[in-house]
Amino acid sequence: MSNNVYANEADALEMSRPENPAPTAPTAADFPGSTPGPWREYAPEIDGVVTPFYRFIDGGDGCGNAEFGYHGFHLSGYIHESDARLMAAAPDLLALARQYASECGECDGSGLVTVHIPGNEGVPAIDYDDQPCPDCADIRAVIAKATLSSAEGGK
């Protein structure tokens, strides 16, 4: 998805209205519990001046005023541009993390594996089912942090 930068807040607001949706925007079903992308960040022009460290970040369908038929969020403040870009990339990063976790070759995307402990000298072998997959546990922890869930497809 592209990172849209608008000349001023009025342009950003106009492009965020429902009649101007982004053609590749994910739906709310793609990100349950969060505002769907794309999210945008930009330095607005205020009184004819653009201050590089003063940023707007918009997500969803605008500024969240249901009276006008659009929902989302708008943040503004003194934010370093690289931090604002990272925040605006959040929906794309979450989608990639979920894709990566779902394609794990060790657990076939389930997030769970069976751990086999071999037996020896009269002690039988033991299988522990439904253990966190070591190959994708790290990305699942990132997804859980982003979604406030205890796990995504695993324990």
N, C-alpha and C. Protein backbone atom coordinates (compact mmCIF):
# COMPACT_ATOMS: atom_id res chain seq x y z
N MET A 1 0.84 -1.17 0.00
CA MET A 1 0.00 0.00 0.00
C MET A 1 0.89 1.23 0.00
N SER A 2 0.43 2.26 -0.65
CA SER A 2 1.24 3.45 -0.73
C SER A 2 1.03 4.31 0.51
N ASN A 3 2.01 5.15 0.77
CA ASN A 3 1.93 6.09 1.88
C ASN A 3 1.50 7.42 1.29
N ASN A 4 0.23 7.79 1.49
CA ASN A 4 -0.28 9.02 0.92
C ASN A 4 0.13 10.20 1.77
N VAL A 5 0.67 11.22 1.13
CA VAL A 5 1.03 12.46 1.81
C VAL A 5 0.20 13.56 1.16
N TYR A 6 -0.50 14.31 1.98
CA TYR A 6 -1.38 15.34 1.48
C TYR A 6 -0.81 16.71 1.81
N ALA A 7 -1.15 17.68 0.97
CA ALA A 7 -0.62 19.03 1.13
C ALA A 7 -1.18 19.71 2.38
N ASN A 8 -2.41 19.39 2.73
CA ASN A 8 -3.00 20.02 3.92
C ASN A 8 -4.10 19.12 4.48
N GLU A 9 -4.61 19.50 5.63
CA GLU A 9 -5.62 18.68 6.31
C GLU A 9 -6.90 18.56 5.49
N ALA A 10 -7.29 19.62 4.79
CA ALA A 10 -8.51 19.58 3.98
C ALA A 10 -8.40 18.52 2.89
N ASP A 11 -7.25 18.43 2.23
CA ASP A 11 -7.05 17.41 1.20
C ASP A 11 -7.12 16.02 1.81
N ALA A 12 -6.49 15.84 2.96
CA ALA A 12 -6.49 14.53 3.63
C ALA A 12 -7.90 14.14 4.03
N LEU A 13 -8.66 15.09 4.56
CA LEU A 13 -10.03 14.81 4.96
C LEU A 13 -10.88 14.44 3.75
N GLU A 14 -10.72 15.17 2.67
CA GLU A 14 -11.49 14.88 1.46
C GLU A 14 -11.20 13.47 0.94
N MET A 15 -9.92 13.08 0.92
CA MET A 15 -9.56 11.75 0.41
C MET A 15 -9.96 10.63 1.36
N SER A 16 -10.29 10.96 2.61
CA SER A 16 -10.66 9.93 3.57
C SER A 16 -12.16 9.67 3.59
N ARG A 17 -12.93 10.45 2.88
CA ARG A 17 -14.39 10.27 2.87
C ARG A 17 -14.75 8.97 2.14
N PRO A 18 -15.89 8.36 2.50
CA PRO A 18 -16.29 7.08 1.90
C PRO A 18 -16.36 7.08 0.38
N GLU A 19 -16.69 8.22 -0.22
CA GLU A 19 -16.77 8.25 -1.69
C GLU A 19 -15.40 8.22 -2.35
N ASN A 20 -14.32 8.31 -1.56
CA ASN A 20 -12.95 8.26 -2.08
C ASN A 20 -12.14 7.16 -1.39
N PRO A 21 -12.64 5.92 -1.35
CA PRO A 21 -11.89 4.87 -0.63
C PRO A 21 -10.62 4.48 -1.36
N ALA A 22 -9.63 4.04 -0.60
CA ALA A 22 -8.41 3.51 -1.20
C ALA A 22 -8.75 2.17 -1.83
N PRO A 23 -8.36 1.92 -3.08
CA PRO A 23 -8.77 0.71 -3.77
C PRO A 23 -8.25 -0.59 -3.14
N THR A 24 -7.14 -0.53 -2.42
CA THR A 24 -6.60 -1.75 -1.83
C THR A 24 -6.74 -1.77 -0.31
N ALA A 25 -7.62 -0.95 0.22
CA ALA A 25 -7.75 -0.86 1.67
C ALA A 25 -8.28 -2.16 2.26
N PRO A 26 -7.63 -2.67 3.32
CA PRO A 26 -8.16 -3.85 4.00
C PRO A 26 -9.50 -3.53 4.64
N THR A 27 -10.29 -4.54 4.91
CA THR A 27 -11.56 -4.34 5.58
C THR A 27 -11.39 -4.53 7.07
N ALA A 28 -12.41 -4.17 7.83
CA ALA A 28 -12.36 -4.33 9.29
C ALA A 28 -12.18 -5.80 9.66
N ALA A 29 -12.67 -6.72 8.83
CA ALA A 29 -12.51 -8.15 9.12
C ALA A 29 -11.04 -8.57 9.10
N ASP A 30 -10.21 -7.86 8.34
CA ASP A 30 -8.78 -8.16 8.29
C ASP A 30 -8.08 -7.80 9.59
N PHE A 31 -8.62 -6.84 10.32
CA PHE A 31 -7.99 -6.35 11.54
C PHE A 31 -9.04 -6.20 12.63
N PRO A 32 -9.56 -7.32 13.13
CA PRO A 32 -10.58 -7.20 14.17
C PRO A 32 -10.04 -6.43 15.37
N GLY A 33 -10.83 -5.48 15.85
CA GLY A 33 -10.44 -4.72 17.02
C GLY A 33 -9.57 -3.52 16.71
N SER A 34 -9.20 -3.30 15.47
CA SER A 34 -8.40 -2.12 15.14
C SER A 34 -8.99 -1.43 13.92
N THR A 35 -8.58 -0.21 13.72
CA THR A 35 -9.05 0.55 12.57
C THR A 35 -8.37 0.02 11.31
N PRO A 36 -9.16 -0.33 10.29
CA PRO A 36 -8.54 -0.85 9.07
C PRO A 36 -7.71 0.20 8.36
N GLY A 37 -6.74 -0.26 7.60
CA GLY A 37 -5.89 0.63 6.83
C GLY A 37 -6.57 1.04 5.55
N PRO A 38 -5.94 1.87 4.76
CA PRO A 38 -4.61 2.38 5.03
C PRO A 38 -4.63 3.51 6.05
N TRP A 39 -3.53 3.64 6.75
CA TRP A 39 -3.33 4.78 7.64
C TRP A 39 -2.38 5.72 6.92
N ARG A 40 -2.55 7.02 7.16
CA ARG A 40 -1.74 8.01 6.47
C ARG A 40 -1.06 8.91 7.49
N GLU A 41 0.11 9.37 7.16
CA GLU A 41 0.81 10.36 7.99
C GLU A 41 1.32 11.47 7.09
N TYR A 42 1.31 12.67 7.62
CA TYR A 42 1.78 13.81 6.83
C TYR A 42 2.02 15.00 7.75
N ALA A 43 2.82 15.94 7.26
CA ALA A 43 3.04 17.20 7.96
C ALA A 43 2.05 18.20 7.37
N PRO A 44 1.10 18.65 8.17
CA PRO A 44 0.08 19.55 7.63
C PRO A 44 0.60 20.98 7.47
N GLU A 45 -0.06 21.69 6.61
CA GLU A 45 0.23 23.11 6.48
C GLU A 45 -0.72 23.85 7.41
N ILE A 46 -0.17 24.57 8.37
CA ILE A 46 -0.97 25.32 9.32
C ILE A 46 -0.56 26.78 9.23
N ASP A 47 -1.51 27.63 8.89
CA ASP A 47 -1.24 29.06 8.71
C ASP A 47 -0.10 29.29 7.73
N GLY A 48 -0.06 28.49 6.66
CA GLY A 48 0.94 28.65 5.62
C GLY A 48 2.31 28.07 5.93
N VAL A 49 2.44 27.39 7.08
CA VAL A 49 3.74 26.86 7.49
C VAL A 49 3.64 25.35 7.70
N VAL A 50 4.63 24.63 7.20
CA VAL A 50 4.74 23.20 7.44
C VAL A 50 5.88 22.98 8.43
N THR A 51 5.56 22.44 9.58
CA THR A 51 6.57 22.14 10.60
C THR A 51 6.88 20.65 10.50
N PRO A 52 8.09 20.27 10.10
CA PRO A 52 8.39 18.86 9.83
C PRO A 52 8.09 17.89 10.98
N PHE A 53 8.25 18.33 12.22
CA PHE A 53 8.03 17.40 13.33
C PHE A 53 6.61 17.42 13.87
N TYR A 54 5.76 18.26 13.29
CA TYR A 54 4.35 18.24 13.67
C TYR A 54 3.63 17.40 12.63
N ARG A 55 3.08 16.26 13.04
CA ARG A 55 2.52 15.30 12.09
C ARG A 55 1.06 15.03 12.38
N PHE A 56 0.33 14.70 11.34
CA PHE A 56 -1.02 14.15 11.44
C PHE A 56 -0.93 12.68 11.06
N ILE A 57 -1.67 11.84 11.76
CA ILE A 57 -1.81 10.43 11.40
C ILE A 57 -3.30 10.14 11.38
N ASP A 58 -3.81 9.72 10.22
CA ASP A 58 -5.22 9.40 10.05
C ASP A 58 -5.36 7.92 9.74
N GLY A 59 -6.38 7.30 10.29
CA GLY A 59 -6.65 5.90 9.99
C GLY A 59 -8.12 5.68 9.74
N GLY A 60 -8.42 4.67 8.95
CA GLY A 60 -9.80 4.34 8.66
C GLY A 60 -10.41 5.29 7.67
N ASP A 61 -11.67 5.59 7.88
CA ASP A 61 -12.43 6.39 6.94
C ASP A 61 -12.50 7.86 7.33
N GLY A 62 -11.54 8.35 8.06
CA GLY A 62 -11.55 9.76 8.40
C GLY A 62 -11.32 9.99 9.87
N CYS A 63 -11.95 11.01 10.39
CA CYS A 63 -11.66 11.45 11.75
C CYS A 63 -12.63 10.93 12.80
N GLY A 64 -13.45 9.99 12.47
CA GLY A 64 -14.28 9.35 13.47
C GLY A 64 -15.59 10.04 13.77
N ASN A 65 -16.07 10.91 12.89
CA ASN A 65 -17.32 11.60 13.12
C ASN A 65 -18.43 10.86 12.39
N ALA A 66 -19.16 10.01 13.12
CA ALA A 66 -20.21 9.18 12.52
C ALA A 66 -21.33 10.02 11.93
N GLU A 67 -21.52 11.23 12.42
CA GLU A 67 -22.56 12.12 11.90
C GLU A 67 -22.36 12.35 10.41
N PHE A 68 -21.09 12.37 9.95
CA PHE A 68 -20.79 12.58 8.54
C PHE A 68 -20.60 11.28 7.78
N GLY A 69 -20.81 10.14 8.44
CA GLY A 69 -20.78 8.86 7.74
C GLY A 69 -19.42 8.22 7.60
N TYR A 70 -18.44 8.63 8.37
CA TYR A 70 -17.14 7.97 8.30
C TYR A 70 -16.60 7.76 9.71
N HIS A 71 -15.76 6.75 9.82
CA HIS A 71 -15.24 6.34 11.12
C HIS A 71 -13.73 6.14 11.01
N GLY A 72 -13.03 6.31 12.07
CA GLY A 72 -11.59 6.12 12.08
C GLY A 72 -10.97 6.91 13.21
N PHE A 73 -9.76 7.36 12.99
CA PHE A 73 -9.10 8.16 14.02
C PHE A 73 -8.20 9.20 13.37
N HIS A 74 -7.85 10.19 14.17
CA HIS A 74 -6.94 11.24 13.74
C HIS A 74 -6.07 11.57 14.94
N LEU A 75 -4.77 11.49 14.78
CA LEU A 75 -3.82 11.86 15.81
C LEU A 75 -3.00 13.02 15.28
N SER A 76 -2.64 13.92 16.17
CA SER A 76 -1.74 15.00 15.76
C SER A 76 -0.85 15.37 16.92
N GLY A 77 0.33 15.82 16.60
CA GLY A 77 1.25 16.25 17.64
C GLY A 77 2.67 16.25 17.13
N TYR A 78 3.58 16.56 18.05
CA TYR A 78 5.00 16.58 17.71
C TYR A 78 5.51 15.14 17.73
N ILE A 79 5.67 14.59 16.55
CA ILE A 79 6.07 13.20 16.36
C ILE A 79 7.17 13.19 15.31
N HIS A 80 8.24 12.49 15.59
CA HIS A 80 9.31 12.37 14.59
C HIS A 80 8.74 11.69 13.35
N GLU A 81 9.13 12.13 12.19
CA GLU A 81 8.58 11.59 10.93
C GLU A 81 8.74 10.08 10.85
N SER A 82 9.88 9.53 11.26
CA SER A 82 10.07 8.07 11.17
C SER A 82 9.12 7.33 12.10
N ASP A 83 8.81 7.89 13.26
CA ASP A 83 7.84 7.27 14.16
C ASP A 83 6.44 7.32 13.54
N ALA A 84 6.10 8.45 12.95
CA ALA A 84 4.79 8.59 12.31
C ALA A 84 4.64 7.61 11.15
N ARG A 85 5.70 7.43 10.36
CA ARG A 85 5.66 6.48 9.24
C ARG A 85 5.49 5.05 9.76
N LEU A 86 6.17 4.72 10.86
CA LEU A 86 6.03 3.40 11.45
C LEU A 86 4.59 3.16 11.92
N MET A 87 4.00 4.16 12.57
CA MET A 87 2.61 4.03 13.01
C MET A 87 1.67 3.87 11.82
N ALA A 88 1.90 4.63 10.76
CA ALA A 88 1.04 4.55 9.58
C ALA A 88 1.18 3.20 8.88
N ALA A 89 2.31 2.53 9.04
CA ALA A 89 2.54 1.22 8.42
C ALA A 89 1.97 0.07 9.25
N ALA A 90 1.44 0.35 10.44
CA ALA A 90 0.99 -0.71 11.35
C ALA A 90 0.03 -1.73 10.72
N PRO A 91 -1.01 -1.33 9.98
CA PRO A 91 -1.89 -2.35 9.40
C PRO A 91 -1.16 -3.29 8.43
N ASP A 92 -0.25 -2.73 7.63
CA ASP A 92 0.51 -3.56 6.69
C ASP A 92 1.45 -4.50 7.44
N LEU A 93 2.10 -4.01 8.48
CA LEU A 93 3.02 -4.84 9.25
C LEU A 93 2.27 -5.96 9.96
N LEU A 94 1.09 -5.67 10.50
CA LEU A 94 0.30 -6.71 11.17
C LEU A 94 -0.15 -7.77 10.16
N ALA A 95 -0.55 -7.34 8.98
CA ALA A 95 -0.96 -8.31 7.95
C ALA A 95 0.21 -9.21 7.56
N LEU A 96 1.40 -8.63 7.40
CA LEU A 96 2.58 -9.45 7.06
C LEU A 96 2.96 -10.40 8.19
N ALA A 97 2.86 -9.95 9.43
CA ALA A 97 3.16 -10.82 10.56
C ALA A 97 2.19 -12.00 10.60
N ARG A 98 0.92 -11.73 10.37
CA ARG A 98 -0.07 -12.82 10.35
C ARG A 98 0.22 -13.78 9.20
N GLN A 99 0.59 -13.25 8.05
CA GLN A 99 0.91 -14.11 6.91
C GLN A 99 2.11 -14.98 7.23
N TYR A 100 3.16 -14.38 7.79
CA TYR A 100 4.37 -15.12 8.15
C TYR A 100 4.03 -16.24 9.12
N ALA A 101 3.26 -15.95 10.14
CA ALA A 101 2.89 -16.97 11.14
C ALA A 101 2.06 -18.08 10.50
N SER A 102 1.17 -17.73 9.59
CA SER A 102 0.31 -18.74 8.97
C SER A 102 1.06 -19.65 8.00
N GLU A 103 2.24 -19.20 7.55
CA GLU A 103 3.04 -19.99 6.60
C GLU A 103 4.18 -20.74 7.27
N CYS A 104 4.20 -20.83 8.59
CA CYS A 104 5.28 -21.51 9.30
C CYS A 104 5.35 -22.98 8.87
N GLY A 105 6.54 -23.41 8.45
CA GLY A 105 6.72 -24.78 7.99
C GLY A 105 6.79 -25.79 9.12
N GLU A 106 7.17 -25.37 10.30
CA GLU A 106 7.31 -26.30 11.43
C GLU A 106 5.95 -26.74 11.97
N CYS A 107 4.99 -25.82 12.04
CA CYS A 107 3.68 -26.13 12.63
C CYS A 107 2.54 -26.04 11.61
N ASP A 108 2.87 -25.83 10.34
CA ASP A 108 1.87 -25.65 9.29
C ASP A 108 0.90 -24.51 9.60
N GLY A 109 1.40 -23.50 10.29
CA GLY A 109 0.59 -22.32 10.56
C GLY A 109 -0.30 -22.40 11.78
N SER A 110 -0.29 -23.52 12.50
CA SER A 110 -1.18 -23.66 13.66
C SER A 110 -0.64 -22.98 14.90
N GLY A 111 0.68 -22.78 14.97
CA GLY A 111 1.28 -22.21 16.16
C GLY A 111 1.59 -23.23 17.23
N LEU A 112 1.23 -24.49 16.96
CA LEU A 112 1.41 -25.55 17.96
C LEU A 112 2.15 -26.74 17.35
N VAL A 113 2.96 -27.39 18.17
CA VAL A 113 3.69 -28.59 17.74
C VAL A 113 3.62 -29.64 18.85
N THR A 114 3.99 -30.86 18.50
CA THR A 114 4.14 -31.93 19.48
C THR A 114 5.63 -32.07 19.77
N VAL A 115 5.98 -32.00 21.04
CA VAL A 115 7.37 -32.16 21.46
C VAL A 115 7.55 -33.61 21.91
N HIS A 116 8.52 -34.29 21.30
CA HIS A 116 8.79 -35.69 21.63
C HIS A 116 10.03 -35.78 22.51
N ILE A 117 9.86 -36.39 23.67
CA ILE A 117 10.98 -36.64 24.58
C ILE A 117 11.26 -38.14 24.51
N PRO A 118 12.42 -38.52 23.95
CA PRO A 118 12.70 -39.95 23.81
C PRO A 118 12.91 -40.60 25.18
N GLY A 119 12.52 -41.85 25.26
CA GLY A 119 12.72 -42.60 26.50
C GLY A 119 14.12 -43.20 26.52
N ASN A 120 14.51 -43.67 27.71
CA ASN A 120 15.79 -44.37 27.85
C ASN A 120 15.77 -45.22 29.12
N GLU A 121 16.51 -46.28 29.13
CA GLU A 121 16.68 -47.18 30.27
C GLU A 121 15.41 -47.39 31.09
N GLY A 122 14.40 -47.89 30.43
CA GLY A 122 13.16 -48.22 31.13
C GLY A 122 12.19 -47.07 31.31
N VAL A 123 12.57 -45.86 30.91
CA VAL A 123 11.67 -44.70 30.99
C VAL A 123 11.03 -44.54 29.61
N PRO A 124 9.69 -44.57 29.55
CA PRO A 124 9.03 -44.49 28.24
C PRO A 124 9.15 -43.09 27.62
N ALA A 125 9.08 -43.09 26.31
CA ALA A 125 9.07 -41.81 25.59
C ALA A 125 7.78 -41.07 25.91
N ILE A 126 7.85 -39.76 25.86
CA ILE A 126 6.68 -38.94 26.16
C ILE A 126 6.49 -37.94 25.02
N ASP A 127 5.24 -37.76 24.60
CA ASP A 127 4.87 -36.73 23.64
C ASP A 127 4.04 -35.67 24.34
N TYR A 128 4.46 -34.43 24.19
CA TYR A 128 3.70 -33.30 24.73
C TYR A 128 3.04 -32.59 23.56
N ASP A 129 1.72 -32.76 23.44
CA ASP A 129 0.97 -32.14 22.35
C ASP A 129 0.69 -30.67 22.65
N ASP A 130 0.41 -29.94 21.59
CA ASP A 130 -0.03 -28.55 21.67
C ASP A 130 0.94 -27.63 22.42
N GLN A 131 2.20 -27.74 22.07
CA GLN A 131 3.23 -26.86 22.64
C GLN A 131 3.49 -25.71 21.66
N PRO A 132 3.85 -24.53 22.16
CA PRO A 132 4.12 -23.41 21.25
C PRO A 132 5.24 -23.76 20.27
N CYS A 133 5.02 -23.41 19.02
CA CYS A 133 6.00 -23.68 17.98
C CYS A 133 7.21 -22.76 18.16
N PRO A 134 8.42 -23.32 18.29
CA PRO A 134 9.59 -22.46 18.48
C PRO A 134 9.94 -21.62 17.25
N ASP A 135 9.52 -22.06 16.06
CA ASP A 135 9.88 -21.34 14.84
C ASP A 135 9.05 -20.06 14.62
N CYS A 136 7.83 -20.01 15.16
CA CYS A 136 7.01 -18.82 14.93
C CYS A 136 6.51 -18.19 16.23
N ALA A 137 7.01 -18.65 17.38
CA ALA A 137 6.57 -18.08 18.66
C ALA A 137 6.89 -16.60 18.76
N ASP A 138 8.03 -16.18 18.19
CA ASP A 138 8.41 -14.76 18.29
C ASP A 138 7.45 -13.87 17.52
N ILE A 139 7.09 -14.26 16.30
CA ILE A 139 6.18 -13.42 15.51
C ILE A 139 4.78 -13.46 16.10
N ARG A 140 4.39 -14.59 16.69
CA ARG A 140 3.09 -14.68 17.35
C ARG A 140 3.05 -13.78 18.58
N ALA A 141 4.17 -13.63 19.27
CA ALA A 141 4.24 -12.71 20.42
C ALA A 141 4.07 -11.26 19.96
N VAL A 142 4.64 -10.92 18.80
CA VAL A 142 4.48 -9.57 18.25
C VAL A 142 3.02 -9.34 17.87
N ILE A 143 2.38 -10.33 17.25
CA ILE A 143 0.97 -10.21 16.89
C ILE A 143 0.13 -10.04 18.14
N ALA A 144 0.41 -10.83 19.17
CA ALA A 144 -0.34 -10.72 20.42
C ALA A 144 -0.16 -9.34 21.05
N LYS A 145 1.04 -8.79 20.98
CA LYS A 145 1.30 -7.46 21.52
C LYS A 145 0.49 -6.41 20.77
N ALA A 146 0.40 -6.58 19.45
CA ALA A 146 -0.32 -5.61 18.62
C ALA A 146 -1.83 -5.74 18.76
N THR A 147 -2.32 -6.94 19.09
CA THR A 147 -3.77 -7.17 19.12
C THR A 147 -4.31 -7.38 20.52
N LEU A 148 -3.45 -7.36 21.51
CA LEU A 148 -3.82 -7.60 22.91
C LEU A 148 -4.43 -8.98 23.11
N SER A 149 -4.10 -9.92 22.24
CA SER A 149 -4.58 -11.29 22.42
C SER A 149 -3.46 -12.12 23.03
N SER A 150 -3.83 -13.20 23.72
CA SER A 150 -2.80 -14.04 24.33
C SER A 150 -2.08 -14.86 23.28
N ALA A 151 -2.74 -15.12 22.16
CA ALA A 151 -2.10 -15.90 21.09
C ALA A 151 -2.92 -15.78 19.83
N GLU A 152 -2.27 -16.02 18.72
CA GLU A 152 -2.93 -16.07 17.41
C GLU A 152 -2.75 -17.47 16.88
N GLY A 153 -3.70 -18.33 17.09
CA GLY A 153 -3.62 -19.68 16.56
C GLY A 153 -2.75 -20.60 17.39
N GLY A 154 -2.29 -20.17 18.52
CA GLY A 154 -1.48 -21.01 19.38
C GLY A 154 -1.73 -20.70 20.83
N LYS A 155 -1.01 -21.38 21.70
CA LYS A 155 -1.20 -21.14 23.13
C LYS A 155 -0.11 -20.25 23.66
